[in-house]
Amino acid sequence: MNQIVDIRRTDDPRDAIHRACHRLADGDLVAFPTETLYLIVANPLSELGMRKLVELDPRGRRTILLKSCFELWDYLPQMPPHADKLSRRAWPGPLTLSIPHANVDGVFRDFSHATQQALISTDNAVSFRVSAQEILQEVLRLSPAPLIACAEHIGDMRMPRNAADLAAQFGEHVAMILDDGPTRYGEPSTTVRVDHNDWTIAEPGVVSDCTLQRLCSEVYLFVCTGNTCRSPMAEALFRKLLAERLQCHDEELIDRGFNVLSAGLSAGNGSPASREAVNLLAEEGIDLRNHESQPLTERLLLHADHVLTMTRGHRQSIVSAYPDFADRVNLLSSEHLDISDPYGGGAREYAACKVSIEHHLKTLITHLIPTRP
């Protein structure tokens, strides 16, 4: 008989988490909540557990549950660009990435042949997901390998949204159910198939097509110190120049595949742009009055494709703190020149700063933005 453990009411959730890990290691199936639906999970290092999962749904799509987006590189050494973008921006969350089996390598080859075969779906793809559910993440952190989840549909039946319904429908198959109440969405994750430079929705779900289009955009992040002078001017001027090149309105850039942001290494939240910057860009018809500063965070860096700093010192600070992001952090100046901070100066210093930023932005657009028809 399966054991239902209500995580919300147990005296020691860690005990339940450890028991779930032991069950999985022994070849049992355990049911976990995710943000979408409850899923039945096996340990890929257990032949018994994988056999039970396959017997539950022989033709279903099984998914490799990872701890974070960074683990995807262990399976895709040649990462498709859209897989990189979607994993960085949508995970953890209700998105499943389906990758053609021919493109999956790395530690996938460490699984047994039977497990590899079980993970290849009927459309010859391997699926990956990072769930935001805290209990599942805790178990993954304690597991020596990723976990393997059943499909969100088994036959014509959708996996349930709560533990009681899972026990009623699949209780004879699972040894333990971790109950964390009804799931957040109650709908399946969106499964996106990514192949080279293209992506398509294989199975619709929580994440809409419009959201996916935006998640696949090119993100440009301009960085200075306080995010009140140089980087807000760079962000606003880049929007203007880019919209002119694409012959569209500023607000249409996101739908054209471009997202433009700015941040500061020492910025607080919510400070306005400097009065001088506001007045200077107003002459260009650009309104900076609604700008609010934000600090540079790991999350912002994770989302960005191009991080463009005002000085060499800014770049060095970012690379020292986040060496994994070094390949996407560059000076705005292609000539490797610093753009001086006009803060505390007068109109002349701000005007010179604007001229310098605009010059480098025009060069950037020429070299980094492909010509559009």
Protein backbone atom coordinates (compact mmCIF):
# COMPACT_ATOMS: atom_id res chain seq x y z
CA MET A 1 0.00 0.00 0.00
CA ASN A 2 1.31 3.46 -0.86
CA GLN A 3 2.16 5.96 1.83
CA ILE A 4 0.80 9.50 1.49
CA VAL A 5 2.91 12.04 3.36
CA ASP A 6 1.41 15.51 3.74
CA ILE A 7 4.49 17.72 3.63
CA ARG A 8 2.49 20.69 4.92
CA ARG A 9 1.65 18.93 8.19
CA THR A 10 4.61 16.67 8.88
CA ASP A 11 6.83 17.59 11.82
CA ASP A 12 10.02 17.07 9.83
CA PRO A 13 9.75 17.43 6.03
CA ARG A 14 13.42 16.43 5.74
CA ASP A 15 12.56 12.95 7.03
CA ALA A 16 9.95 12.52 4.29
CA ILE A 17 12.43 13.75 1.68
CA HIS A 18 15.07 11.27 2.84
CA ARG A 19 12.53 8.43 2.83
CA ALA A 20 11.53 9.35 -0.74
CA CYS A 21 15.20 9.21 -1.78
CA HIS A 22 15.57 5.75 -0.22
CA ARG A 23 12.40 4.52 -1.93
CA LEU A 24 13.69 5.68 -5.29
CA ALA A 25 17.10 4.08 -4.71
CA ASP A 26 15.35 0.79 -3.86
CA GLY A 27 13.54 0.78 -7.20
CA ASP A 28 10.16 2.08 -6.03
CA LEU A 29 8.09 4.72 -7.80
CA VAL A 30 7.35 7.92 -5.89
CA ALA A 31 4.79 10.59 -6.79
CA PHE A 32 5.70 14.27 -6.46
CA PRO A 33 3.83 17.52 -6.98
CA THR A 34 5.13 19.93 -9.61
CA GLU A 35 3.84 23.40 -10.43
CA THR A 36 1.68 21.80 -13.16
CA LEU A 37 0.48 18.31 -12.11
CA TYR A 38 1.52 15.42 -9.87
CA LEU A 39 4.04 13.14 -11.58
CA ILE A 40 5.27 9.62 -10.92
CA VAL A 41 9.05 9.45 -10.75
CA ALA A 42 11.80 6.81 -10.90
CA ASN A 43 15.54 6.73 -10.27
CA PRO A 44 17.37 6.16 -13.61
CA LEU A 45 20.12 4.25 -11.78
CA SER A 46 17.59 1.60 -10.76
CA GLU A 47 16.72 -0.92 -13.46
CA LEU A 48 13.73 -2.03 -11.38
CA GLY A 49 12.43 1.50 -10.99
CA MET A 50 12.79 2.28 -14.69
CA ARG A 51 11.09 -0.97 -15.63
CA LYS A 52 8.12 -0.09 -13.41
CA LEU A 53 7.88 3.38 -14.94
CA VAL A 54 7.91 2.00 -18.48
CA GLU A 55 5.28 -0.62 -17.59
CA LEU A 56 3.05 2.16 -16.25
CA ASP A 57 2.95 3.83 -19.67
CA PRO A 58 4.94 1.94 -22.35
CA ARG A 59 4.53 4.56 -25.11
CA GLY A 60 4.50 7.73 -23.02
CA ARG A 61 7.02 10.56 -23.13
CA ARG A 62 9.34 10.31 -20.12
CA THR A 63 11.18 13.41 -18.94
CA ILE A 64 14.59 13.91 -17.34
CA LEU A 65 14.14 16.19 -14.31
CA LEU A 66 17.18 18.41 -13.79
CA LYS A 67 18.18 20.63 -10.87
CA SER A 68 18.89 23.73 -12.98
CA CYS A 69 19.33 25.01 -16.51
CA PHE A 70 23.10 24.63 -16.19
CA GLU A 71 22.77 20.82 -16.09
CA LEU A 72 21.32 20.82 -19.60
CA TRP A 73 24.83 21.48 -20.94
CA ASP A 74 25.85 18.05 -19.60
CA TYR A 75 23.46 16.50 -22.13
CA LEU A 76 23.78 19.01 -24.96
CA PRO A 77 27.45 19.96 -25.44
CA GLN A 78 26.36 21.53 -28.75
CA MET A 79 23.49 23.56 -27.30
CA PRO A 80 20.89 24.74 -29.84
CA PRO A 81 20.47 28.54 -29.40
CA HIS A 82 16.75 28.36 -28.61
CA ALA A 83 17.28 25.57 -26.09
CA ASP A 84 19.82 27.80 -24.36
CA LYS A 85 17.48 30.80 -24.30
CA LEU A 86 14.40 28.88 -23.17
CA SER A 87 16.22 26.95 -20.46
CA ARG A 88 17.81 30.11 -19.05
CA ARG A 89 14.60 32.14 -19.07
CA ALA A 90 11.78 29.66 -18.48
CA TRP A 91 13.40 27.31 -15.94
CA PRO A 92 12.53 26.54 -13.28
CA GLY A 93 8.99 26.54 -14.59
CA PRO A 94 6.25 24.78 -16.56
CA LEU A 95 8.24 24.17 -19.74
CA THR A 96 9.54 20.87 -21.13
CA LEU A 97 12.23 20.90 -23.82
CA SER A 98 12.17 18.08 -26.35
CA ILE A 99 15.49 17.58 -28.14
CA PRO A 100 16.07 15.22 -31.10
CA HIS A 101 17.87 12.14 -29.85
CA ALA A 102 20.68 12.61 -32.39
CA ASN A 103 21.61 15.90 -30.67
CA VAL A 104 21.71 14.47 -27.13
CA ASP A 105 25.10 13.33 -25.90
CA GLY A 106 27.35 13.78 -22.88
CA VAL A 107 26.19 12.15 -19.65
CA PHE A 108 23.14 10.73 -21.41
CA ARG A 109 25.54 8.02 -22.63
CA ASP A 110 26.24 7.10 -19.00
CA PHE A 111 22.73 5.73 -18.59
CA SER A 112 22.21 2.03 -19.24
CA HIS A 113 21.06 1.07 -22.71
CA ALA A 114 17.61 0.16 -21.35
CA THR A 115 17.27 3.56 -19.66
CA GLN A 116 18.38 5.40 -22.79
CA GLN A 117 15.77 3.55 -24.81
CA ALA A 118 13.11 4.34 -22.23
CA LEU A 119 13.94 8.05 -22.50
CA ILE A 120 13.66 8.23 -26.29
CA SER A 121 10.06 9.12 -27.15
CA THR A 122 8.04 7.87 -30.09
CA ASP A 123 9.01 11.03 -32.02
CA ASN A 124 12.69 10.15 -31.46
CA ALA A 125 13.39 12.90 -28.92
CA VAL A 126 14.60 13.20 -25.33
CA SER A 127 12.77 15.54 -22.94
CA PHE A 128 14.11 17.73 -20.13
CA ARG A 129 12.51 19.88 -17.45
CA VAL A 130 13.43 21.89 -14.34
CA SER A 131 10.49 22.11 -11.96
CA ALA A 132 10.08 25.01 -9.54
CA GLN A 133 8.44 22.76 -6.92
CA GLU A 134 10.51 23.02 -3.74
CA ILE A 135 10.02 19.44 -2.48
CA LEU A 136 11.05 17.95 -5.81
CA GLN A 137 14.07 20.25 -5.93
CA GLU A 138 15.12 19.08 -2.44
CA VAL A 139 14.98 15.44 -3.50
CA LEU A 140 16.96 16.21 -6.66
CA ARG A 141 19.66 17.91 -4.58
CA LEU A 142 20.06 14.73 -2.54
CA SER A 143 19.96 12.36 -5.52
CA PRO A 144 23.13 11.12 -7.24
CA ALA A 145 21.43 11.42 -10.63
CA PRO A 146 18.51 13.28 -12.18
CA LEU A 147 15.05 11.77 -11.77
CA ILE A 148 12.83 10.45 -14.54
CA ALA A 149 9.16 11.45 -14.63
CA CYS A 150 6.22 9.87 -16.39
CA ALA A 151 4.27 11.77 -19.03
CA GLU A 152 1.66 14.30 -17.92
CA HIS A 153 -0.88 12.26 -19.89
CA ILE A 154 -1.04 8.49 -19.50
CA GLY A 155 -3.19 7.18 -22.30
CA ASP A 156 -6.29 9.38 -22.42
CA MET A 157 -5.94 10.32 -18.77
CA ARG A 158 -4.29 13.50 -17.53
CA MET A 159 -2.17 13.23 -14.40
CA PRO A 160 -4.05 14.62 -11.38
CA ARG A 161 -3.70 17.95 -9.65
CA ASN A 162 -3.81 16.60 -6.10
CA ALA A 163 -2.45 13.67 -4.09
CA ALA A 164 -5.81 12.08 -3.30
CA ASP A 165 -6.73 11.69 -6.96
CA LEU A 166 -3.28 10.29 -7.74
CA ALA A 167 -3.68 7.71 -4.97
CA ALA A 168 -7.08 6.74 -6.35
CA GLN A 169 -5.85 6.37 -9.93
CA PHE A 170 -2.29 5.07 -9.50
CA GLY A 171 -1.98 4.03 -5.86
CA GLU A 172 -1.14 0.44 -6.68
CA HIS A 173 1.88 1.54 -8.72
CA VAL A 174 3.57 3.97 -6.31
CA ALA A 175 5.17 3.29 -2.94
CA MET A 176 4.98 6.86 -1.68
CA ILE A 177 3.14 10.09 -2.50
CA LEU A 178 4.42 13.44 -1.27
CA ASP A 179 1.37 15.65 -0.79
CA ASP A 180 1.89 19.41 -1.00
CA GLY A 181 -1.69 20.32 -1.79
CA PRO A 182 -3.18 21.16 -5.19
CA THR A 183 -0.65 22.14 -7.83
CA ARG A 184 -0.39 25.77 -8.89
CA TYR A 185 -1.57 25.50 -12.49
CA GLY A 186 -3.45 22.23 -12.79
CA GLU A 187 -2.50 22.13 -16.48
CA PRO A 188 0.35 20.31 -18.27
CA SER A 189 3.65 21.98 -19.01
CA THR A 190 4.21 23.20 -22.55
CA THR A 191 6.50 20.86 -24.49
CA VAL A 192 8.69 22.62 -27.05
CA ARG A 193 10.71 20.70 -29.60
CA VAL A 194 14.01 22.44 -30.38
CA ASP A 195 16.07 21.46 -33.41
CA HIS A 196 19.09 23.55 -34.44
CA ASN A 197 17.76 27.10 -35.04
CA ASP A 198 14.06 26.27 -34.96
CA TRP A 199 11.44 25.47 -32.33
CA THR A 200 7.84 24.28 -32.39
CA ILE A 201 5.23 23.50 -29.76
CA ALA A 202 4.98 19.71 -29.58
CA GLU A 203 2.39 19.64 -26.79
CA PRO A 204 0.50 22.80 -25.73
CA GLY A 205 0.33 23.71 -22.05
CA VAL A 206 0.76 26.49 -19.53
CA VAL A 207 3.28 28.59 -21.50
CA SER A 208 1.67 30.29 -24.49
CA ASP A 209 3.08 30.71 -27.98
CA CYS A 210 3.30 34.48 -27.44
CA THR A 211 5.32 34.02 -24.26
CA LEU A 212 7.63 31.56 -25.99
CA GLN A 213 8.23 34.02 -28.81
CA ARG A 214 9.32 36.62 -26.27
CA LEU A 215 11.45 34.15 -24.33
CA CYS A 216 13.34 33.42 -27.56
CA SER A 217 14.19 37.08 -28.14
CA GLU A 218 17.72 38.55 -28.15
CA VAL A 219 18.26 40.33 -24.82
CA TYR A 220 20.66 43.29 -24.68
CA LEU A 221 21.61 44.47 -21.18
CA PHE A 222 23.51 47.76 -20.72
CA VAL A 223 25.42 48.12 -17.45
CA CYS A 224 26.99 51.07 -15.66
CA THR A 225 27.45 51.91 -11.98
CA GLY A 226 24.23 53.45 -10.68
CA ASN A 227 21.83 52.87 -13.61
CA THR A 228 20.80 56.52 -13.60
CA CYS A 229 23.03 58.09 -16.29
CA ARG A 230 24.99 56.06 -18.85
CA SER A 231 23.14 52.75 -19.03
CA PRO A 232 19.63 54.30 -19.14
CA MET A 233 20.79 56.60 -21.97
CA ALA A 234 22.34 53.61 -23.78
CA GLU A 235 19.15 51.56 -23.35
CA ALA A 236 16.89 54.35 -24.62
CA LEU A 237 19.13 55.36 -27.52
CA PHE A 238 19.58 51.74 -28.58
CA ARG A 239 15.80 51.29 -28.63
CA LYS A 240 15.44 54.37 -30.82
CA LEU A 241 18.21 53.41 -33.25
CA LEU A 242 17.06 49.80 -33.44
CA ALA A 243 13.44 50.77 -34.08
CA GLU A 244 14.59 53.11 -36.86
CA ARG A 245 16.64 50.33 -38.45
CA LEU A 246 13.76 47.86 -38.27
CA GLN A 247 11.25 50.54 -39.31
CA CYS A 248 8.96 49.84 -36.40
CA HIS A 249 7.78 51.54 -33.21
CA ASP A 250 9.76 51.17 -29.98
CA GLU A 251 6.99 49.10 -28.37
CA GLU A 252 7.13 46.62 -31.26
CA LEU A 253 10.76 45.65 -30.63
CA ILE A 254 9.87 42.80 -28.26
CA ASP A 255 7.62 41.26 -30.92
CA ARG A 256 10.46 41.65 -33.45
CA GLY A 257 12.67 39.52 -31.21
CA PHE A 258 14.58 42.17 -29.23
CA ASN A 259 14.43 42.97 -25.53
CA VAL A 260 16.52 45.90 -24.25
CA LEU A 261 17.31 46.44 -20.55
CA SER A 262 19.75 48.26 -18.29
CA ALA A 263 21.11 47.83 -14.77
CA GLY A 264 23.84 49.08 -12.43
CA LEU A 265 26.56 47.34 -10.47
CA SER A 266 25.90 49.57 -7.43
CA ALA A 267 22.32 50.54 -8.21
CA GLY A 268 19.41 50.50 -5.86
CA ASN A 269 15.84 49.77 -6.87
CA GLY A 270 13.60 52.50 -8.19
CA SER A 271 15.85 55.57 -8.53
CA PRO A 272 14.98 57.90 -11.43
CA ALA A 273 17.32 58.79 -14.26
CA SER A 274 19.41 61.89 -13.59
CA ARG A 275 17.79 65.21 -14.44
CA GLU A 276 20.55 65.97 -16.98
CA ALA A 277 20.01 62.66 -18.79
CA VAL A 278 16.24 63.20 -18.87
CA ASN A 279 16.61 66.70 -20.32
CA LEU A 280 19.25 65.69 -22.86
CA LEU A 281 17.27 62.77 -24.30
CA ALA A 282 14.08 64.80 -24.32
CA GLU A 283 15.73 66.77 -27.14
CA GLU A 284 15.73 63.49 -29.12
CA GLY A 285 12.06 62.89 -28.36
CA ILE A 286 12.97 60.17 -25.82
CA ASP A 287 11.16 60.22 -22.48
CA LEU A 288 13.33 58.93 -19.60
CA ARG A 289 11.06 60.21 -16.84
CA ASN A 290 9.63 56.77 -16.08
CA HIS A 291 13.00 55.05 -15.79
CA GLU A 292 13.61 53.19 -12.51
CA SER A 293 17.06 51.88 -11.66
CA GLN A 294 17.72 48.23 -10.85
CA PRO A 295 20.78 46.37 -9.56
CA LEU A 296 22.60 43.87 -11.73
CA THR A 297 21.65 40.37 -10.54
CA GLU A 298 22.59 36.84 -11.48
CA ARG A 299 19.06 36.37 -12.83
CA LEU A 300 19.46 39.35 -15.19
CA LEU A 301 22.81 38.04 -16.37
CA LEU A 302 21.30 34.61 -16.92
CA HIS A 303 18.60 36.09 -19.15
CA ALA A 304 20.89 38.34 -21.17
CA ASP A 305 22.51 37.36 -24.48
CA HIS A 306 24.64 40.50 -24.75
CA VAL A 307 25.88 42.33 -21.65
CA LEU A 308 27.44 45.65 -22.63
CA THR A 309 29.38 47.62 -20.04
CA MET A 310 30.45 51.26 -20.02
CA THR A 311 33.99 50.64 -18.74
CA ARG A 312 36.62 47.94 -18.51
CA GLY A 313 36.23 48.08 -14.74
CA HIS A 314 32.54 47.24 -15.02
CA ARG A 315 33.31 44.24 -17.20
CA GLN A 316 36.06 43.01 -14.90
CA SER A 317 33.77 43.25 -11.87
CA ILE A 318 31.08 41.16 -13.58
CA VAL A 319 33.49 38.55 -14.93
CA SER A 320 35.22 38.21 -11.54
CA ALA A 321 31.89 37.59 -9.79
CA TYR A 322 30.32 35.49 -12.58
CA PRO A 323 33.08 33.86 -14.65
CA ASP A 324 30.59 31.53 -16.37
CA PHE A 325 29.06 34.55 -18.11
CA ALA A 326 32.37 35.96 -19.42
CA ASP A 327 31.70 35.10 -23.06
CA ARG A 328 28.61 37.31 -23.19
CA VAL A 329 30.03 40.35 -21.32
CA ASN A 330 31.75 42.97 -23.48
CA LEU A 331 32.51 46.67 -23.51
CA LEU A 332 30.00 48.79 -25.38
CA SER A 333 32.96 50.36 -27.14
CA SER A 334 34.32 48.08 -29.86
CA GLU A 335 37.54 50.09 -29.53
CA HIS A 336 37.84 48.97 -25.88
CA LEU A 337 37.50 52.53 -24.58
CA ASP A 338 35.82 53.55 -21.35
CA ILE A 339 32.79 55.81 -21.45
CA SER A 340 33.30 58.33 -18.65
CA ASP A 341 30.63 58.85 -16.00
CA PRO A 342 29.02 62.31 -16.39
CA TYR A 343 27.42 62.13 -12.94
CA GLY A 344 28.10 65.35 -11.04
CA GLY A 345 29.09 67.16 -14.22
CA GLY A 346 27.17 69.67 -16.23
CA ALA A 347 25.42 69.75 -19.58
CA ARG A 348 28.70 69.60 -21.49
CA GLU A 349 29.80 66.32 -19.81
CA TYR A 350 26.41 64.74 -20.41
CA ALA A 351 26.36 65.80 -24.06
CA ALA A 352 29.84 64.35 -24.63
CA CYS A 353 28.77 61.10 -22.93
CA LYS A 354 25.68 60.87 -25.14
CA VAL A 355 27.72 61.43 -28.31
CA SER A 356 30.13 58.68 -27.29
CA ILE A 357 27.35 56.22 -26.42
CA GLU A 358 25.48 56.91 -29.66
CA HIS A 359 28.63 56.40 -31.73
CA HIS A 360 29.29 53.00 -30.18
CA LEU A 361 25.62 51.99 -30.45
CA LYS A 362 25.63 52.61 -34.19
CA THR A 363 28.70 50.40 -34.50
CA LEU A 364 27.01 47.76 -32.34
CA ILE A 365 23.89 47.66 -34.49
CA THR A 366 25.98 47.35 -37.64
CA HIS A 367 27.95 44.38 -36.29
CA LEU A 368 25.55 42.56 -33.98
CA ILE A 369 22.09 42.98 -35.46
CA PRO A 370 21.55 41.02 -38.68
CA THR A 371 20.11 42.92 -41.59
CA ARG A 372 16.38 42.40 -41.75
CA PRO A 373 14.37 42.44 -44.96
